[in-house]
Protein backbone atom coordinates (compact mmCIF):
# COMPACT_ATOMS: atom_id res chain seq x y z
CA MET A 1 18.96 -32.40 -7.02
CA ASN A 2 16.02 -29.99 -6.97
CA GLY A 3 13.68 -29.76 -9.93
CA ILE A 4 10.36 -28.16 -10.70
CA LEU A 5 7.52 -30.41 -11.80
CA ILE A 6 4.76 -29.00 -14.00
CA SER A 7 1.67 -31.23 -14.05
CA PRO A 8 -1.59 -30.77 -15.94
CA ASP A 9 -4.67 -30.51 -13.72
CA HIS A 10 -7.39 -31.53 -16.16
CA ASP A 11 -10.27 -31.12 -13.72
CA ASN A 12 -9.42 -27.46 -13.07
CA ARG A 13 -7.92 -26.79 -16.53
CA CYS A 14 -4.64 -25.45 -15.23
CA ALA A 15 -1.04 -26.46 -14.59
CA LEU A 16 0.26 -27.29 -11.12
CA VAL A 17 3.82 -26.38 -10.16
CA GLN A 18 5.82 -27.92 -7.34
CA SER A 19 9.42 -28.36 -6.28
CA VAL A 20 10.60 -31.95 -6.27
CA ASP A 21 13.73 -33.77 -5.18
CA VAL A 22 15.15 -35.74 -8.08
CA LEU A 23 16.99 -38.70 -6.67
CA PRO A 24 20.52 -39.31 -7.94
CA GLY A 25 21.46 -42.59 -9.56
CA GLU A 26 24.50 -44.66 -8.69
CA ASP A 27 26.68 -42.45 -10.91
CA GLY A 28 25.57 -39.28 -9.09
CA ASP A 29 23.64 -37.98 -12.10
CA PHE A 30 19.86 -37.99 -12.10
CA ASP A 31 18.30 -41.44 -12.05
CA LEU A 32 16.35 -42.07 -15.26
CA LYS A 33 14.24 -44.80 -13.62
CA PHE A 34 13.15 -42.28 -11.00
CA VAL A 35 12.39 -39.68 -13.68
CA TYR A 36 10.35 -42.22 -15.69
CA LYS A 37 8.28 -42.95 -12.59
CA LEU A 38 7.93 -39.25 -11.71
CA LEU A 39 6.71 -38.40 -15.22
CA GLY A 40 4.69 -41.59 -15.68
CA CYS A 41 6.40 -42.64 -18.90
CA ASP A 42 8.87 -45.08 -20.45
CA LEU A 43 10.80 -42.75 -22.74
CA VAL A 44 11.91 -39.17 -22.13
CA GLN A 45 12.92 -36.29 -24.34
CA ILE A 46 15.20 -33.55 -23.05
CA LEU A 47 14.67 -30.07 -24.45
CA ASP A 48 17.14 -27.25 -24.00
CA VAL A 49 15.22 -24.09 -23.23
CA ASP A 50 15.50 -20.95 -25.38
CA GLN A 51 18.28 -18.83 -23.87
CA ALA A 52 16.20 -15.68 -24.36
CA SER A 53 13.40 -16.92 -22.07
CA ALA A 54 12.96 -16.67 -18.32
CA LEU A 55 13.91 -20.35 -18.21
CA ALA A 56 17.35 -19.82 -19.78
CA GLY A 57 19.93 -22.21 -18.34
CA HIS A 58 17.39 -24.99 -17.87
CA SER A 59 16.38 -28.17 -19.61
CA ALA A 60 12.94 -29.68 -19.69
CA VAL A 61 12.48 -33.43 -19.36
CA LEU A 62 9.19 -34.70 -20.77
CA ASP A 63 7.40 -37.79 -22.01
CA GLU A 64 8.77 -38.45 -25.53
CA GLU A 65 5.53 -40.16 -26.57
CA GLY A 66 3.11 -38.03 -24.56
CA CYS A 67 1.12 -36.73 -27.54
CA LEU A 68 0.61 -40.28 -28.78
CA LYS A 69 -1.19 -41.32 -25.58
CA PRO A 70 -4.82 -40.62 -24.69
CA ALA A 71 -5.01 -37.26 -22.91
CA ARG A 72 -7.83 -35.10 -21.56
CA GLY A 73 -5.81 -31.99 -22.21
CA TYR A 74 -2.37 -30.63 -22.97
CA LEU A 75 -0.02 -27.89 -21.78
CA LEU A 76 1.03 -25.06 -24.04
CA ILE A 77 4.11 -23.30 -22.64
CA PRO A 78 5.64 -21.28 -25.50
CA GLN A 79 8.69 -20.27 -23.42
CA LEU A 80 9.48 -23.98 -23.19
CA TYR A 81 8.28 -25.45 -26.50
CA PRO A 82 6.20 -24.02 -29.34
CA LEU A 83 3.72 -26.93 -29.49
CA PRO A 84 1.35 -28.48 -26.95
CA LEU A 85 2.87 -31.01 -24.57
CA ALA A 86 1.11 -33.96 -23.00
CA GLY A 87 1.76 -35.09 -19.48
CA LYS A 88 4.18 -33.80 -16.89
CA VAL A 89 7.30 -31.70 -17.46
CA LEU A 90 10.36 -31.68 -15.19
CA LEU A 91 12.56 -28.56 -15.22
CA LEU A 92 16.18 -28.94 -14.20
CA GLY A 93 19.11 -26.57 -14.35
CA LEU A 94 21.77 -27.13 -16.97
CA ASP A 95 25.47 -26.63 -16.28
CA SER A 96 26.55 -24.71 -19.38
CA CYS A 97 30.19 -25.76 -19.04
CA GLU A 98 29.73 -29.47 -18.42
CA GLY A 99 26.27 -30.04 -19.93
CA ASP A 100 25.18 -31.85 -16.75
CA MET A 101 21.79 -31.50 -15.10
CA ILE A 102 21.90 -29.46 -11.90
CA ASP A 103 19.40 -27.93 -9.47
CA ALA A 104 16.71 -25.80 -11.07
CA GLN A 105 17.82 -22.19 -10.85
CA VAL A 106 14.39 -20.63 -11.32
CA GLY A 107 11.83 -20.30 -8.54
CA GLU A 108 8.39 -21.84 -8.39
CA GLU A 109 6.73 -18.41 -8.57
CA VAL A 110 8.45 -17.59 -11.88
CA VAL A 111 7.32 -20.92 -13.33
CA ARG A 112 3.77 -20.43 -12.03
CA GLY A 113 3.68 -17.11 -13.88
CA LEU A 114 4.86 -18.77 -17.09
CA VAL A 115 2.31 -21.58 -16.94
CA ALA A 116 -0.70 -19.47 -15.96
CA GLY A 117 -3.27 -20.30 -18.61
CA ALA A 118 -1.08 -23.08 -20.06
CA TRP A 119 -3.79 -25.76 -20.06
CA CYS A 120 -5.02 -26.34 -23.59
CA ASP A 121 -7.95 -28.50 -24.70
CA PRO A 122 -7.50 -31.26 -27.29
CA ARG A 123 -9.17 -29.21 -30.06
CA LYS A 124 -6.69 -26.35 -29.70
CA ALA A 125 -3.77 -28.78 -29.34
CA TYR A 126 -4.88 -30.50 -32.56
CA GLU A 127 -5.19 -27.22 -34.47
CA LEU A 128 -1.78 -25.91 -33.37
CA THR A 129 -0.01 -29.20 -34.03
CA LYS A 130 -1.65 -29.75 -37.43
CA GLN A 131 -0.79 -26.21 -38.51
CA HIS A 132 2.86 -26.80 -37.54
CA GLU A 133 2.97 -30.15 -39.36
CA ASP A 134 1.43 -28.58 -42.50
CA GLN A 135 4.05 -25.80 -42.42
CA ILE A 136 6.86 -28.37 -42.22
CA ALA A 137 5.36 -30.42 -45.07
CA ALA A 138 5.02 -27.31 -47.26
CA ALA A 139 8.55 -26.08 -46.53
CA TYR A 140 10.17 -29.48 -47.03
CA PRO A 141 8.11 -31.43 -49.63
CA GLY A 142 10.28 -34.56 -49.55
CA VAL A 143 10.26 -34.94 -45.76
CA ILE A 144 8.07 -37.49 -44.01
CA VAL A 145 6.10 -35.66 -41.34
CA VAL A 146 4.98 -37.74 -38.38
CA ARG A 147 1.39 -36.62 -37.87
CA THR A 148 1.11 -36.36 -34.11
CA SER A 149 -2.05 -34.31 -34.73
CA GLU A 150 -3.83 -37.53 -35.72
CA SER A 151 -3.19 -39.00 -32.26
CA ILE A 152 -4.39 -35.79 -30.65
CA ALA A 153 -7.52 -35.83 -32.84
CA ALA A 154 -8.45 -39.19 -31.33
CA ASN A 155 -8.70 -37.44 -27.94
CA ILE A 156 -11.16 -34.77 -29.07
CA PRO A 157 -14.50 -35.41 -27.37
CA ARG A 158 -17.36 -36.00 -29.78
CA ASP A 159 -20.28 -33.69 -29.02
């Protein structure tokens, strides 16, 4: 299965985009062990993409705990997710009838256009995430809000 891998390039403060072959598992579906290795993580989250975006009909596979890990920078891709993401993101197509992952239906050039300027420094990632958390806490006073912003704050370089 073909996917598109989006990787942060911290040295150049940008996102790299490349096509990748996602190896199938024994059941013919994508192999989670391979995806864990590809993304460099132990736990993944799968996001369905907004159907109004250029990535409609796709899912994004990302590191579930990425924002809790030390990071030199983040990716902010609003067409994919409204908050900064840490680590790599794998785009795969989504079969709307079956709900299965399929080949990515979007081209690398489209994704490159969407991620141009996506790199975001820890300060900005902290501000955006904290603002979102504060909005949730204000709207739902009884809800426990996991403060991912605190983990991001630990990655802000001290001047």
